[in-house]
Protein backbone atom coordinates (compact mmCIF):
# COMPACT_ATOMS: atom_id res chain seq x y z
CA UNK A 1 0.00 0.02 0.04
CA UNK A 2 1.50 3.36 -1.34
CA UNK A 3 0.84 6.40 0.81
CA UNK A 4 0.63 9.71 -1.07
CA UNK A 5 2.12 12.88 -0.42
CA UNK A 6 -0.60 14.49 1.21
CA UNK A 7 -0.53 11.71 4.20
CA UNK A 8 2.87 12.31 4.75
CA UNK A 9 2.25 15.99 4.90
CA UNK A 10 -0.62 15.27 7.29
CA UNK A 11 1.16 12.68 9.40
CA UNK A 12 4.00 15.40 9.74
CA UNK A 13 1.81 18.26 10.50
CA UNK A 14 0.11 15.54 13.10
CA UNK A 15 3.50 14.76 14.76
CA UNK A 16 4.52 18.49 14.91
CA UNK A 17 1.15 19.30 16.68
CA UNK A 18 2.13 16.36 19.06
CA UNK A 19 5.78 17.66 19.99
CA UNK A 20 4.42 21.09 19.93
CA UNK A 21 1.61 20.25 22.42
CA UNK A 22 4.16 18.27 24.86
CA UNK A 23 6.80 21.11 24.72
CA UNK A 24 3.92 23.76 25.61
CA UNK A 25 2.70 21.79 28.39
CA UNK A 26 6.20 21.35 29.60
CA UNK A 27 6.78 25.02 29.44
CA UNK A 28 3.61 25.81 31.00
CA UNK A 29 4.29 23.22 33.89
CA UNK A 30 7.92 24.89 34.30
CA UNK A 31 6.17 28.15 34.25
CA UNK A 32 3.59 27.61 36.97
CA UNK A 33 6.49 25.96 39.04
CA UNK A 34 8.60 28.94 38.82
CA UNK A 35 5.69 31.07 39.70
CA UNK A 36 4.69 28.82 42.69
CA UNK A 37 8.41 29.20 43.82
CA UNK A 38 8.56 32.62 43.32
CA UNK A 39 5.73 33.17 45.41
CA UNK A 40 6.96 31.09 47.96
CA UNK A 41 10.46 33.25 48.08
CA UNK A 42 8.31 36.40 48.08
CA UNK A 43 6.08 35.34 51.16
CA UNK A 44 9.60 34.33 52.94
CA UNK A 45 10.87 37.87 52.23
CA UNK A 46 7.59 39.46 53.75
CA UNK A 47 7.87 37.01 56.68
CA UNK A 48 11.34 37.68 57.30
CA UNK A 49 10.89 41.58 56.69
CA UNK A 50 7.96 41.70 59.38
CA UNK A 51 10.37 39.88 62.06
CA UNK A 52 13.04 42.43 61.47
CA UNK A 53 10.39 45.37 62.03
CA UNK A 54 9.45 43.45 65.10
CA UNK A 55 13.05 42.74 66.35
CA UNK A 56 13.79 46.53 65.78
CA UNK A 57 11.21 47.63 67.75
CA UNK A 58 11.89 45.42 70.80
CA UNK A 59 15.92 46.47 70.28
CA UNK A 60 14.96 50.15 70.29
CA UNK A 61 13.18 49.75 73.39
CA UNK A 62 16.08 47.63 75.01
CA UNK A 63 18.45 50.38 73.84
CA UNK A 64 16.37 53.16 75.43
CA UNK A 65 16.04 51.37 78.96
CA UNK A 66 19.60 50.17 78.62
CA UNK A 67 20.95 53.64 77.99
CA UNK A 68 18.98 55.17 81.00
CA UNK A 69 20.77 51.95 83.35
CA UNK A 70 24.12 52.73 82.22
CA UNK A 71 24.05 56.23 83.06
CA UNK A 72 23.04 55.56 86.45
CA UNK A 73 25.65 52.84 86.79
CA UNK A 74 28.06 55.52 86.11
CA UNK A 75 26.67 57.58 88.36
CA UNK A 76 26.75 55.23 91.30
CA UNK A 77 30.67 54.30 90.23
CA UNK A 78 31.39 57.79 91.15
CA UNK A 79 29.79 57.54 94.62
CA UNK A 80 31.86 55.22 96.57
CA UNK A 81 30.07 55.93 99.60
CA UNK A 82 26.98 54.82 98.19
CA UNK A 83 28.11 51.21 97.61
CA UNK A 84 27.00 49.81 100.77
CA UNK A 85 22.97 50.61 99.72
CA UNK A 86 23.40 48.40 96.67
CA UNK A 87 23.57 45.21 98.59
CA UNK A 88 20.90 44.46 101.06
CA UNK A 89 20.55 41.38 102.74
CA UNK A 90 22.87 39.63 100.28
CA UNK A 91 20.71 40.70 97.48
CA UNK A 92 22.08 43.46 95.24
CA UNK A 93 19.39 46.05 94.70
CA UNK A 94 19.38 45.92 90.66
CA UNK A 95 16.27 47.74 90.71
CA UNK A 96 18.24 50.99 91.85
CA UNK A 97 19.99 50.77 88.36
CA UNK A 98 17.31 48.98 86.05
CA UNK A 99 13.70 50.09 85.37
CA UNK A 100 11.24 47.12 84.89
CA UNK A 101 12.70 43.94 83.38
CA UNK A 102 16.03 44.07 82.17
CA UNK A 103 15.43 42.08 78.73
CA UNK A 104 11.58 42.20 78.79
CA UNK A 105 11.35 40.61 74.95
CA UNK A 106 13.45 38.38 72.72
CA UNK A 107 14.52 38.92 69.55
CA UNK A 108 13.41 36.21 66.93
CA UNK A 109 15.14 34.48 63.99
CA UNK A 110 12.32 32.32 63.16
CA UNK A 111 11.49 33.19 59.54
CA UNK A 112 15.20 33.26 58.73
CA UNK A 113 15.66 30.13 60.10
CA UNK A 114 12.76 28.72 58.04
CA UNK A 115 13.77 30.28 54.85
CA UNK A 116 17.56 28.45 55.33
CA UNK A 117 15.95 24.88 56.45
CA UNK A 118 13.53 25.03 53.59
CA UNK A 119 16.24 25.66 50.57
CA UNK A 120 14.17 29.40 50.06
CA UNK A 121 17.53 31.03 50.73
CA UNK A 122 19.05 29.90 47.46
CA UNK A 123 16.12 31.80 45.38
CA UNK A 124 17.35 34.92 47.10
CA UNK A 125 19.96 37.10 45.27
CA UNK A 126 23.41 36.39 46.80
CA UNK A 127 24.03 40.10 47.95
CA UNK A 128 20.92 40.34 49.79
CA UNK A 129 21.12 36.75 51.25
CA UNK A 130 24.63 37.70 52.53
CA UNK A 131 23.32 41.12 54.23
CA UNK A 132 20.36 39.36 55.77
CA UNK A 133 22.89 36.60 57.14
CA UNK A 134 24.76 39.41 58.98
CA UNK A 135 22.12 41.29 60.29
CA UNK A 136 20.94 38.15 61.85
CA UNK A 137 24.50 37.34 63.08
CA UNK A 138 24.77 40.60 64.60
CA UNK A 139 21.59 40.23 66.42
CA UNK A 140 22.45 36.64 67.79
CA UNK A 141 26.16 36.89 68.33
CA UNK A 142 26.25 40.44 69.41
CA UNK A 143 23.27 41.61 71.24
CA UNK A 144 21.62 38.34 72.13
CA UNK A 145 24.98 36.81 73.52
CA UNK A 146 25.88 40.15 75.31
CA UNK A 147 22.43 39.99 76.79
CA UNK A 148 22.66 36.46 77.94
CA UNK A 149 26.28 37.49 79.58
CA UNK A 150 24.52 40.41 81.67
CA UNK A 151 21.64 38.00 82.59
CA UNK A 152 24.21 35.51 83.97
CA UNK A 153 26.22 38.39 85.71
CA UNK A 154 23.17 39.50 87.70
CA UNK A 155 22.82 35.36 88.57
CA UNK A 156 26.07 34.86 89.82
CA UNK A 157 26.60 34.29 93.75
CA UNK A 158 29.61 36.97 93.71
CA UNK A 159 27.12 39.82 92.46
CA UNK A 160 25.15 39.40 95.51
CA UNK A 161 28.28 39.95 97.94
CA UNK A 162 28.77 43.21 99.82
CA UNK A 163 32.30 43.08 99.50
CA UNK A 164 32.24 42.91 95.51
CA UNK A 165 29.86 45.64 95.10
CA UNK A 166 32.56 47.94 93.40
CA UNK A 167 33.80 45.04 91.25
CA UNK A 168 30.24 44.29 90.11
CA UNK A 169 29.37 47.63 89.10
CA UNK A 170 32.48 47.65 87.20
CA UNK A 171 31.25 44.40 85.28
CA UNK A 172 27.62 45.81 84.91
CA UNK A 173 29.42 49.28 83.36
CA UNK A 174 31.42 47.29 80.93
CA UNK A 175 29.00 44.54 79.64
CA UNK A 176 26.17 47.22 79.41
CA UNK A 177 28.12 49.58 77.57
CA UNK A 178 29.15 47.04 75.14
CA UNK A 179 25.30 46.02 74.86
CA UNK A 180 24.21 49.73 74.23
CA UNK A 181 26.76 49.86 71.49
CA UNK A 182 25.77 46.67 69.93
CA UNK A 183 22.11 47.82 70.01
CA UNK A 184 22.99 51.07 68.40
CA UNK A 185 24.42 49.15 65.50
CA UNK A 186 21.84 46.66 65.21
CA UNK A 187 19.29 49.16 64.97
CA UNK A 188 21.26 50.95 62.09
CA UNK A 189 21.63 47.56 60.42
CA UNK A 190 17.72 46.87 60.82
CA UNK A 191 17.49 50.11 58.90
CA UNK A 192 19.59 49.19 56.06
CA UNK A 193 18.36 45.94 56.01
CA UNK A 194 14.31 46.65 55.72
CA UNK A 195 15.13 49.24 53.03
CA UNK A 196 16.73 46.35 51.05
CA UNK A 197 13.88 44.32 51.43
CA UNK A 198 11.38 47.04 50.43
CA UNK A 199 13.22 47.70 47.41
CA UNK A 200 13.42 43.88 46.54
CA UNK A 201 9.67 43.27 47.17
CA UNK A 202 8.61 46.14 45.27
CA UNK A 203 10.17 44.79 41.85
C-alpha cells in the first residue's frame, strides 16, 4: 500500500502538533512551578521583613532602657559612699539601676531559620542573602550573646556579695556599655536591611 504525499504531510503536521503540545505543556508546567517558587520566596521575604521590624522595635526599647541604666551605673560608680546601699541582705539592689525587666522581650529569627531550612534561601540574590545573614549574626552573636552574659552576671553568687559591690558595678558598666553599642549598631543594620527588603519586594 502506497501512501500519497498528502498523507505524509498530514502525518508530519500531526507529529509536529504532538511535539508542540508536549513542549507547551512542559513550558507551562515550568512556568507555573517557577511562579509558585517565586511566590514562596516572596512570602518568605515578607515574613523576614516583618520579623526584622518587630525585632527592631524590641531592640529600640532595649536601647532606650539600657542607656538609662548605663547612666545610673556610671553615677553610682562615682559615689563610693553609696556602695553599701547596693547590697541589702545578700541581694544586689538591681532596681536602683534598672527600671522594669532587664530584657522584657526576646528578638526572634524564626522566619530566617525557616527560609534556610526549606531551601528558599537559594532563591534569594546573593548580596541580599549575605546582608540578611550579617544582620541576623549581629543580632545573635552580638546583642543576644551580650544580653545573656548580662543576665548570667546578675545571677552569679558573687554579684550579691557586699564586698564585691564595686567590682560588680565595673562588670555591669562594661557589659552594659558593650550591649548599648551593639544595640545602636543593630538598629542601624535593621534600617538598612528593611530598606533593601522593601526595594526587593517592590520589584
